[in-house]
Amino acid sequence: MLPLLAEHGGRLERRLRALDDRTEAHLLSFPSDEHVAAYRADPRRCAAAPLLESSEAAIELLAVRDVR
C-alpha cells in the first residue's frame, strides 16, 4: 500500500531486504500519529487486506526514534 503514503503525509524513508529475500522492512515517516491512523484506516488499504493476508506477510508496526 505504499502508493497511498503520500496522500496521508507519509514517506518511505528506507526499504531493506534480508539477504535471503524472505524478509523486508520499510521505514516510514508520518507528520503525526493522526496521519498514521488515517493511513491505516484508508478504505483502499482495508480493501486490500485479503491480498496481504494471502501473501502470508507478517506486519508489525513499531514506533521508533533516532538514536544519536
N, C-alpha and C. Protein backbone atom coordinates (compact mmCIF):
# COMPACT_ATOMS: atom_id res chain seq x y z
N MET A 1 0.80 -1.19 0.00
CA MET A 1 0.00 0.00 0.00
C MET A 1 0.85 1.26 0.00
N LEU A 2 2.08 1.09 -0.41
CA LEU A 2 2.99 2.24 -0.47
C LEU A 2 2.48 3.42 -1.29
N PRO A 3 1.74 3.20 -2.40
CA PRO A 3 1.26 4.35 -3.17
C PRO A 3 0.33 5.29 -2.37
N LEU A 4 -0.28 4.80 -1.30
CA LEU A 4 -1.18 5.64 -0.51
C LEU A 4 -0.45 6.53 0.50
N LEU A 5 0.81 6.28 0.71
CA LEU A 5 1.54 7.02 1.74
C LEU A 5 1.43 8.53 1.58
N ALA A 6 1.75 9.02 0.41
CA ALA A 6 1.80 10.47 0.20
C ALA A 6 0.46 11.14 0.47
N GLU A 7 -0.63 10.44 0.17
CA GLU A 7 -1.95 11.01 0.42
C GLU A 7 -2.22 11.23 1.90
N HIS A 8 -1.46 10.54 2.75
CA HIS A 8 -1.64 10.67 4.19
C HIS A 8 -0.42 11.31 4.86
N GLY A 9 0.39 11.99 4.05
CA GLY A 9 1.56 12.68 4.59
C GLY A 9 2.72 11.76 4.89
N GLY A 10 2.62 10.50 4.49
CA GLY A 10 3.67 9.55 4.79
C GLY A 10 4.77 9.54 3.75
N ARG A 11 5.89 9.01 4.15
CA ARG A 11 7.05 8.92 3.26
C ARG A 11 7.82 7.64 3.53
N LEU A 12 8.21 6.95 2.48
CA LEU A 12 9.06 5.77 2.61
C LEU A 12 10.50 6.26 2.73
N GLU A 13 11.07 6.11 3.90
CA GLU A 13 12.43 6.58 4.16
C GLU A 13 13.46 5.56 3.69
N ARG A 14 13.22 4.29 4.02
CA ARG A 14 14.15 3.22 3.63
C ARG A 14 13.36 1.94 3.43
N ARG A 15 13.86 1.12 2.54
CA ARG A 15 13.30 -0.21 2.29
C ARG A 15 14.48 -1.18 2.33
N LEU A 16 14.43 -2.11 3.25
CA LEU A 16 15.53 -3.02 3.48
C LEU A 16 15.06 -4.46 3.27
N ARG A 17 15.92 -5.30 2.71
CA ARG A 17 15.57 -6.69 2.48
C ARG A 17 16.70 -7.57 3.00
N ALA A 18 16.32 -8.66 3.67
CA ALA A 18 17.30 -9.62 4.17
C ALA A 18 18.00 -10.28 2.99
N LEU A 19 19.19 -10.77 3.24
CA LEU A 19 19.98 -11.37 2.18
C LEU A 19 19.32 -12.59 1.56
N ASP A 20 18.45 -13.27 2.32
CA ASP A 20 17.75 -14.45 1.77
C ASP A 20 16.46 -14.06 1.03
N ASP A 21 16.18 -12.77 0.92
CA ASP A 21 14.99 -12.24 0.23
C ASP A 21 13.66 -12.66 0.86
N ARG A 22 13.68 -13.15 2.08
CA ARG A 22 12.44 -13.61 2.71
C ARG A 22 11.83 -12.56 3.63
N THR A 23 12.58 -11.56 4.01
CA THR A 23 12.10 -10.56 4.96
C THR A 23 12.39 -9.18 4.40
N GLU A 24 11.40 -8.30 4.53
CA GLU A 24 11.59 -6.92 4.09
C GLU A 24 11.07 -5.99 5.17
N ALA A 25 11.78 -4.91 5.40
CA ALA A 25 11.37 -3.91 6.39
C ALA A 25 11.27 -2.56 5.70
N HIS A 26 10.24 -1.81 6.04
CA HIS A 26 10.05 -0.46 5.50
C HIS A 26 10.12 0.52 6.66
N LEU A 27 10.93 1.53 6.52
CA LEU A 27 10.99 2.61 7.49
C LEU A 27 10.17 3.76 6.92
N LEU A 28 9.05 4.03 7.56
CA LEU A 28 8.12 5.07 7.10
C LEU A 28 8.14 6.23 8.08
N SER A 29 7.85 7.42 7.58
CA SER A 29 7.68 8.57 8.46
C SER A 29 6.35 9.24 8.14
N PHE A 30 5.72 9.75 9.19
CA PHE A 30 4.45 10.48 9.09
C PHE A 30 4.56 11.72 9.97
N PRO A 31 3.85 12.78 9.62
CA PRO A 31 3.91 14.00 10.42
C PRO A 31 3.34 13.84 11.84
N SER A 32 2.40 12.90 12.01
CA SER A 32 1.77 12.75 13.32
C SER A 32 1.12 11.38 13.44
N ASP A 33 0.73 11.04 14.65
CA ASP A 33 0.00 9.79 14.88
C ASP A 33 -1.34 9.79 14.15
N GLU A 34 -1.94 10.97 14.02
CA GLU A 34 -3.22 11.07 13.32
C GLU A 34 -3.08 10.70 11.85
N HIS A 35 -1.96 11.08 11.25
CA HIS A 35 -1.70 10.72 9.86
C HIS A 35 -1.53 9.20 9.71
N VAL A 36 -0.84 8.60 10.66
CA VAL A 36 -0.67 7.13 10.65
C VAL A 36 -2.04 6.47 10.74
N ALA A 37 -2.87 6.94 11.66
CA ALA A 37 -4.20 6.35 11.85
C ALA A 37 -5.04 6.48 10.59
N ALA A 38 -4.95 7.63 9.93
CA ALA A 38 -5.72 7.83 8.70
C ALA A 38 -5.23 6.88 7.60
N TYR A 39 -3.93 6.69 7.49
CA TYR A 39 -3.37 5.76 6.51
C TYR A 39 -3.84 4.34 6.78
N ARG A 40 -3.77 3.94 8.03
CA ARG A 40 -4.16 2.57 8.38
C ARG A 40 -5.66 2.34 8.20
N ALA A 41 -6.47 3.39 8.33
CA ALA A 41 -7.93 3.26 8.20
C ALA A 41 -8.42 3.52 6.78
N ASP A 42 -7.53 3.87 5.87
CA ASP A 42 -7.94 4.18 4.49
C ASP A 42 -8.71 2.99 3.92
N PRO A 43 -9.90 3.21 3.39
CA PRO A 43 -10.72 2.11 2.86
C PRO A 43 -10.03 1.32 1.75
N ARG A 44 -9.19 1.98 0.97
CA ARG A 44 -8.48 1.25 -0.10
C ARG A 44 -7.45 0.30 0.50
N ARG A 45 -6.83 0.71 1.58
CA ARG A 45 -5.88 -0.16 2.26
C ARG A 45 -6.62 -1.33 2.89
N CYS A 46 -7.74 -1.03 3.52
CA CYS A 46 -8.55 -2.09 4.15
C CYS A 46 -9.07 -3.07 3.10
N ALA A 47 -9.44 -2.57 1.93
CA ALA A 47 -9.95 -3.44 0.87
C ALA A 47 -8.89 -4.40 0.37
N ALA A 48 -7.63 -4.02 0.48
CA ALA A 48 -6.54 -4.88 0.02
C ALA A 48 -6.08 -5.87 1.08
N ALA A 49 -6.67 -5.81 2.25
CA ALA A 49 -6.26 -6.70 3.35
C ALA A 49 -6.27 -8.17 2.96
N PRO A 50 -7.28 -8.67 2.22
CA PRO A 50 -7.25 -10.08 1.84
C PRO A 50 -6.02 -10.45 1.00
N LEU A 51 -5.56 -9.55 0.16
CA LEU A 51 -4.34 -9.81 -0.62
C LEU A 51 -3.13 -9.94 0.29
N LEU A 52 -3.06 -9.06 1.26
CA LEU A 52 -1.95 -9.11 2.20
C LEU A 52 -1.99 -10.40 3.01
N GLU A 53 -3.18 -10.76 3.48
CA GLU A 53 -3.32 -11.99 4.25
C GLU A 53 -2.93 -13.21 3.43
N SER A 54 -3.30 -13.25 2.16
CA SER A 54 -2.98 -14.40 1.33
C SER A 54 -1.49 -14.49 1.02
N SER A 55 -0.77 -13.38 1.15
CA SER A 55 0.68 -13.40 0.91
C SER A 55 1.43 -13.97 2.10
N GLU A 56 0.75 -14.12 3.24
CA GLU A 56 1.32 -14.62 4.49
C GLU A 56 2.40 -13.68 5.04
N ALA A 57 2.38 -12.44 4.61
CA ALA A 57 3.31 -11.45 5.15
C ALA A 57 2.91 -11.10 6.58
N ALA A 58 3.89 -10.94 7.42
CA ALA A 58 3.64 -10.52 8.80
C ALA A 58 3.85 -9.02 8.87
N ILE A 59 2.91 -8.33 9.47
CA ILE A 59 3.02 -6.88 9.61
C ILE A 59 3.19 -6.57 11.08
N GLU A 60 4.22 -5.82 11.38
CA GLU A 60 4.45 -5.39 12.74
C GLU A 60 4.74 -3.91 12.70
N LEU A 61 4.01 -3.13 13.45
CA LEU A 61 4.18 -1.68 13.49
C LEU A 61 4.93 -1.31 14.76
N LEU A 62 6.05 -0.65 14.58
CA LEU A 62 6.87 -0.21 15.71
C LEU A 62 7.11 1.29 15.59
N ALA A 63 6.83 2.02 16.64
CA ALA A 63 7.20 3.44 16.67
C ALA A 63 8.67 3.51 17.10
N VAL A 64 9.46 4.25 16.34
CA VAL A 64 10.90 4.32 16.62
C VAL A 64 11.35 5.77 16.65
N ARG A 65 12.56 5.98 17.12
CA ARG A 65 13.15 7.32 17.15
C ARG A 65 14.62 7.19 16.77
N ASP A 66 15.20 8.29 16.31
CA ASP A 66 16.63 8.31 16.01
C ASP A 66 17.43 8.19 17.29
N VAL A 67 18.54 7.51 17.22
CA VAL A 67 19.46 7.40 18.33
C VAL A 67 20.74 8.13 17.93
N ARG A 68 21.12 9.06 18.71
CA ARG A 68 22.30 9.86 18.38
C ARG A 68 23.50 9.37 19.16
